[in-house]
Protein backbone atom coordinates (compact mmCIF):
# COMPACT_ATOMS: atom_id res chain seq x y z
CA MET A 1 0.34 0.06 -0.47
CA SER A 2 0.76 3.76 -0.40
CA PRO A 3 1.78 5.90 2.64
CA GLN A 4 -1.04 7.50 1.72
CA THR A 5 -3.24 4.23 1.56
CA THR A 6 -1.62 3.03 5.24
CA ASP A 7 -2.50 6.15 6.84
CA LEU A 8 -6.47 6.07 5.27
CA TYR A 9 -6.41 2.72 6.19
CA SER A 10 -5.46 3.36 10.20
CA ALA A 11 -7.70 6.01 10.23
CA LEU A 12 -11.25 3.76 8.69
CA GLN A 13 -10.26 0.20 11.04
CA TRP A 14 -11.00 1.74 13.80
CA HIS A 15 -14.33 2.46 12.82
CA LEU A 16 -15.02 -0.28 10.19
CA PRO A 17 -15.64 -3.52 11.70
CA TRP A 18 -15.23 -4.99 8.34
CA HIS A 19 -12.40 -7.90 7.07
CA LYS A 20 -8.80 -6.28 6.73
CA ALA A 21 -8.68 -6.83 2.80
CA ARG A 22 -12.36 -4.73 2.28
CA VAL A 23 -10.94 -1.45 4.64
CA LYS A 24 -8.02 -1.37 2.06
CA PHE A 25 -10.32 -1.46 -0.95
CA VAL A 26 -12.28 1.43 0.56
CA ALA A 27 -9.12 3.53 1.48
CA SER A 28 -8.07 2.74 -2.39
CA PHE A 29 -11.27 3.51 -3.89
CA ILE A 30 -11.32 7.21 -1.80
CA LEU A 31 -7.71 7.80 -2.58
CA ALA A 32 -8.59 6.80 -6.30
CA LEU A 33 -11.86 8.71 -6.51
CA LEU A 34 -9.54 12.42 -4.30
CA GLN A 35 -7.61 11.76 -7.58
CA VAL A 36 -10.00 11.73 -10.62
CA THR A 37 -12.78 14.00 -9.09
CA THR A 38 -15.10 11.97 -10.60
CA VAL A 39 -17.44 8.76 -10.03
CA ASN A 40 -16.64 7.77 -13.09
CA LEU A 41 -16.41 3.85 -12.17
CA ILE A 42 -13.33 3.45 -14.68
CA ARG A 43 -11.27 5.53 -14.02
CA ILE A 44 -11.58 5.47 -10.74
CA ALA A 45 -10.16 1.47 -11.59
CA ASN A 46 -7.54 3.18 -13.59
CA GLY A 47 -6.13 4.88 -10.49
CA LEU A 48 -6.93 2.78 -7.83
CA ASN A 49 -4.12 0.37 -8.39
CA GLY A 50 -1.33 1.24 -10.61
CA GLN A 51 0.28 -2.12 -10.58
CA ALA A 52 -2.57 -4.37 -11.20
CA ASP A 53 -4.68 -5.10 -14.20
CA LYS A 54 -7.01 -2.29 -14.83
CA LYS A 55 -10.15 -4.77 -16.00
CA SER A 56 -9.24 -6.13 -12.23
CA ASN A 57 -9.89 -3.38 -10.80
CA TYR A 58 -12.71 -2.75 -12.38
CA ARG A 59 -13.98 -5.90 -11.22
CA ARG A 60 -13.59 -5.43 -7.94
CA ILE A 61 -15.39 -2.16 -7.62
CA GLN A 62 -18.44 -4.24 -9.40
CA ARG A 63 -18.39 -7.17 -6.75
CA PHE A 64 -17.67 -4.55 -4.01
CA PHE A 65 -20.81 -2.91 -5.27
CA ALA A 66 -23.19 -5.26 -6.21
CA LEU A 67 -22.35 -7.95 -3.04
CA PHE A 68 -21.16 -5.87 -0.24
CA PRO A 69 -23.53 -4.78 2.53
CA ILE A 70 -23.45 -0.73 3.63
CA ASP A 71 -24.29 -0.63 6.95
CA PRO A 72 -25.45 3.70 7.08
CA ASP A 73 -24.72 3.56 11.28
CA GLN A 74 -21.31 2.68 10.80
CA ILE A 75 -20.71 4.71 7.84
CA ALA A 76 -22.29 7.79 10.45
CA GLN A 77 -19.65 7.03 12.57
CA VAL A 78 -16.62 7.37 10.28
CA ILE A 79 -18.60 10.96 9.58
CA VAL A 80 -18.08 12.26 12.95
CA ALA A 81 -14.78 10.50 14.19
CA LEU A 82 -13.28 12.74 11.45
CA LEU A 83 -14.98 15.81 12.03
CA PRO A 84 -13.44 18.00 15.38
CA ALA A 85 -15.34 17.17 18.73
CA HIS A 86 -18.76 18.87 18.91
CA LYS A 87 -20.91 18.85 21.54
CA ASP A 88 -24.16 19.99 19.66
CA TRP A 89 -24.03 20.36 16.06
CA LEU A 90 -26.61 21.83 14.13
CA VAL A 91 -28.39 19.05 11.39
CA THR A 92 -29.70 20.42 8.03
CA PHE A 93 -32.27 18.30 5.27
CA ASP A 94 -32.62 18.93 2.17
CA ARG A 95 -33.11 17.13 -1.30
CA ARG A 96 -31.81 16.61 -4.72
CA HIS A 97 -33.36 15.17 -7.33
CA TRP A 98 -31.72 13.94 -10.62
CA GLN A 99 -32.73 11.78 -14.08
CA PHE A 100 -30.15 10.09 -16.05
CA GLY A 101 -32.93 8.64 -19.19
CA ARG A 102 -35.18 7.23 -17.52
CA VAL A 103 -33.53 6.82 -14.17
CA GLN A 104 -34.67 9.32 -11.37
CA ILE A 105 -32.88 9.81 -8.14
CA ASN A 106 -34.44 12.04 -5.51
CA ILE A 107 -31.94 11.68 -2.67
CA LEU A 108 -32.99 13.12 0.97
CA LEU A 109 -30.27 13.80 2.64
CA VAL A 110 -28.94 15.43 6.02
CA GLY A 111 -25.68 17.02 7.34
CA LEU A 112 -24.23 18.41 9.75
CA VAL A 113 -22.27 21.83 9.49
CA PHE A 114 -19.48 22.91 10.47
CA GLN A 115 -16.88 25.88 8.98
CA GLY A 116 -19.62 26.95 6.71
CA VAL A 117 -19.88 23.44 5.03
CA SER A 118 -22.10 20.30 5.85
CA PHE A 119 -20.97 17.07 6.00
CA PRO A 120 -23.30 14.29 4.94
CA LEU A 121 -24.25 11.95 7.81
CA TYR A 122 -27.67 10.40 6.63
CA TRP A 123 -29.15 9.88 3.02
CA THR A 124 -32.14 7.87 1.50
CA LEU A 125 -32.72 7.54 -2.54
CA LEU A 126 -37.02 8.96 -2.65
CA PRO A 127 -38.93 6.08 -4.75
CA LYS A 128 -40.15 9.32 -6.10
CA LYS A 129 -40.00 12.80 -7.73
CA GLY A 130 -41.69 15.08 -4.95
CA ASN A 131 -40.94 16.13 -1.75
CA SER A 132 -40.18 14.03 1.45
CA ASN A 133 -43.11 13.42 3.60
CA THR A 134 -42.83 13.38 8.09
CA THR A 135 -42.71 9.99 7.61
CA GLU A 136 -39.48 9.22 5.77
CA ARG A 137 -38.03 12.93 7.13
CA ILE A 138 -38.70 10.74 10.73
CA ALA A 139 -37.24 7.98 9.72
CA LEU A 140 -33.67 9.70 8.75
CA MET A 141 -34.07 11.90 11.66
CA GLU A 142 -34.60 8.92 14.70
CA GLN A 143 -30.54 8.11 13.30
CA VAL A 144 -29.51 10.47 13.56
CA ILE A 145 -30.45 10.95 16.75
CA ALA A 146 -29.43 6.95 17.36
CA CYS A 147 -26.15 8.43 16.49
CA LEU A 148 -25.24 11.94 18.36
CA GLY A 149 -27.97 11.64 21.56
CA LYS A 150 -30.45 14.57 21.94
CA GLY A 151 -28.25 16.07 24.08
CA ARG A 152 -25.75 16.77 20.87
CA ILE A 153 -27.73 18.30 18.37
CA ARG A 154 -28.49 22.21 18.70
CA ALA A 155 -31.05 22.82 16.33
CA VAL A 156 -32.43 20.85 12.78
CA LEU A 157 -32.42 22.90 10.02
CA GLY A 158 -34.59 23.02 6.38
CA ASP A 159 -36.15 24.62 3.87
CA ARG A 160 -39.90 25.48 2.80
CA GLU A 161 -39.69 22.33 1.90
CA PHE A 162 -39.47 20.54 5.61
CA ILE A 163 -42.74 21.92 7.13
CA GLY A 164 -45.95 21.06 8.24
CA GLN A 165 -47.74 20.20 11.78
CA GLN A 166 -46.71 16.41 11.91
CA TRP A 167 -43.48 16.73 11.20
CA PHE A 168 -43.09 20.35 13.28
CA LYS A 169 -45.26 18.60 16.41
CA TRP A 170 -42.38 15.76 16.45
CA LEU A 171 -39.48 17.45 16.81
CA ASP A 172 -41.02 19.49 19.82
CA GLN A 173 -42.22 15.98 21.08
CA GLN A 174 -37.99 14.94 20.85
CA GLY A 175 -37.85 18.09 22.86
CA LEU A 176 -35.46 19.24 19.28
CA THR A 177 -34.85 23.24 18.72
CA TYR A 178 -35.62 23.93 14.63
CA HIS A 179 -35.71 26.64 12.87
CA MET A 180 -37.29 26.15 9.63
CA ARG A 181 -38.51 28.57 6.24
CA ILE A 182 -41.71 28.64 5.70
CA LYS A 183 -44.36 29.63 3.28
CA GLU A 184 -44.50 33.25 2.73
CA ASN A 185 -48.80 32.76 1.87
CA ALA A 186 -48.77 30.00 5.05
CA VAL A 187 -52.41 31.51 6.31
CA LEU A 188 -52.87 32.55 9.40
CA PRO A 189 -55.91 31.18 11.37
CA GLY A 190 -58.03 32.78 13.43
CA THR A 191 -59.91 35.90 12.02
CA LYS A 192 -61.22 36.25 8.11
CA PRO A 193 -60.38 36.80 5.82
CA GLN A 194 -57.39 34.98 6.91
CA PRO A 195 -54.82 36.97 6.66
CA LYS A 196 -50.86 34.97 4.76
CA VAL A 197 -48.08 35.38 7.06
CA TYR A 198 -46.20 37.67 5.00
CA THR A 199 -48.34 40.67 6.21
CA LEU A 200 -46.95 40.34 9.63
CA PHE A 201 -43.68 42.46 7.85
CA ARG A 202 -45.00 44.39 5.52
CA ASP A 203 -43.83 46.89 7.00
CA LEU A 204 -39.78 45.87 6.71
CA PRO A 205 -37.79 48.01 4.47
CA VAL A 206 -35.70 45.47 2.07
CA ASP A 207 -32.60 43.78 3.97
CA HIS A 208 -33.86 44.16 7.73
CA GLN A 209 -35.28 41.63 10.00
CA ARG A 210 -37.09 41.67 12.66
CA ILE A 211 -38.49 38.60 15.44
CA LEU A 212 -41.94 38.32 16.70
CA ARG A 213 -42.33 38.25 20.97
CA LYS A 214 -45.45 36.93 20.66
CA ARG A 215 -46.21 32.90 19.48
CA ARG A 216 -48.37 32.46 16.42
CA TRP A 217 -50.28 29.54 15.07
CA ILE A 218 -49.46 27.94 12.03
CA TYR A 219 -49.40 24.69 10.27
CA GLY A 220 -51.52 23.53 13.09
CA GLN A 221 -48.73 24.65 15.78
CA SER A 222 -47.51 27.28 18.14
CA VAL A 223 -44.46 28.66 16.60
CA PHE A 224 -41.79 31.77 17.02
CA LEU A 225 -42.00 33.71 13.58
CA ALA A 226 -38.31 36.04 12.50
CA ALA A 227 -38.28 37.35 8.77
CA VAL A 228 -35.84 39.07 7.29
CA ARG A 229 -37.05 41.37 3.86
CA LEU A 230 -35.08 40.46 0.67
CA LYS A 231 -34.90 42.16 -2.71
CA ASP A 232 -38.60 40.49 -4.56
CA GLU A 233 -39.88 37.91 -1.74
CA TYR A 234 -39.26 37.57 2.19
CA LEU A 235 -37.67 34.67 3.79
CA ILE A 236 -39.81 34.02 7.25
CA VAL A 237 -38.45 31.09 9.61
CA ALA A 238 -40.47 29.34 12.08
CA SER A 239 -38.93 28.18 15.30
CA ASN A 240 -40.43 26.34 19.12
CA LYS A 241 -37.57 27.78 20.12
CA ALA A 242 -34.24 30.33 20.53
CA PRO A 243 -36.39 32.49 17.90
CA ALA A 244 -33.74 35.47 18.83
CA GLN A 245 -31.20 33.26 16.80
CA ALA A 246 -33.04 31.71 14.24
CA LEU A 247 -32.32 33.45 11.36
CA ALA A 248 -28.56 33.16 12.03
CA ARG A 249 -28.88 29.31 12.14
CA TYR A 250 -30.82 29.49 9.14
CA GLN A 251 -27.99 31.48 6.52
CA LYS A 252 -25.54 27.99 7.63
CA ARG A 253 -28.75 26.10 6.02
CA TRP A 254 -26.72 27.30 2.69
CA SER A 255 -23.91 24.58 3.07
CA ILE A 256 -25.74 22.21 2.32
CA GLU A 257 -25.38 23.90 -0.89
CA VAL A 258 -21.80 23.65 -0.13
CA LEU A 259 -21.62 20.27 -0.25
CA PHE A 260 -24.36 19.42 -3.31
CA SER A 261 -22.00 21.59 -5.35
CA ALA A 262 -19.09 19.28 -3.82
CA LEU A 263 -20.82 15.97 -5.21
CA LYS A 264 -21.80 17.21 -8.49
CA LYS A 265 -20.10 19.45 -10.81
CA ARG A 266 -17.50 21.59 -9.03
CA GLY A 267 -16.09 18.39 -7.17
CA PHE A 268 -16.71 14.34 -8.00
CA ASP A 269 -19.32 14.65 -10.75
CA PHE A 270 -21.86 12.70 -9.18
CA GLU A 271 -23.83 13.64 -11.97
CA GLN A 272 -22.24 11.21 -14.16
CA THR A 273 -22.81 8.16 -12.31
CA HIS A 274 -24.30 4.79 -14.85
CA LEU A 275 -25.22 3.37 -11.46
CA THR A 276 -29.13 2.98 -11.65
CA ASP A 277 -30.07 0.67 -8.39
CA PRO A 278 -30.89 2.38 -5.42
CA GLU A 279 -28.40 0.39 -2.93
CA ARG A 280 -25.75 0.70 -4.95
CA ILE A 281 -26.30 4.56 -5.29
CA LYS A 282 -26.68 4.39 -1.68
CA LYS A 283 -23.15 2.66 -1.50
CA LEU A 284 -21.25 5.21 -3.66
CA ILE A 285 -23.05 8.01 -1.41
CA ALA A 286 -21.51 6.65 1.65
CA LEU A 287 -17.53 6.74 -0.42
CA LEU A 288 -17.90 10.06 -1.71
CA ALA A 289 -19.44 11.36 2.09
CA ILE A 290 -16.08 9.73 3.63
CA ALA A 291 -14.05 11.16 1.08
CA PHE A 292 -15.34 14.92 1.05
CA THR A 293 -14.72 14.35 4.56
């Protein structure tokens, strides 16, 4: 093994209870991935091991993706271990959809925010084109809680897709703080005609912000509201706790855009994968997650 492979192998073997040969292969794959900066498996095979036959390397890669199961909890532990020790994480949700020919790839992902970047922790492929639902979000969040513990989660962040009564209620029941951007035309109940939530902030000058002291009912939940007026729209954030921190924390949700940019054309060119099987794609994301971290 090269010195770089040996170092990465040593770091991985503490957290991956796999056969040594399997950990060495993953270490070599990740270093080749970093070298060629593409998920094209043929190019990775060419960079995998200079002393081995390229066709042999490619068959090894194919066998790994076809036959070897990956435990997402083990990968999550690797990600957390590679990051600096942290007592309270901002957890951010996002979803990305791509289409390769007739194949739909719809990824729901949860990341940990650190120094302006989200690092992938858990993910799933949705068997549909559209938005995630509450059940799918809860399933991922339960994995995050099992990995980190509730005490290490400072807040959960999400854009306008991640709203709804049952989702907000579940986060509240778990004792988790959330800051979710809501739709500016969400209805405020109690009066007729029912006003839209943006009317609470329509006197704000552009680039100014306001935090309301009293809770409001939105999506059947009592929440705090904070907003900033942008040039052509309002950015309104609903929180169950810590409203004074809502806008500053929500701003860090942008860090997940940095992640997806790195996974796609500005980094590992993920959109060029030829994998179509969901389980194999999830394995590829696992290796990308380690490489990125």
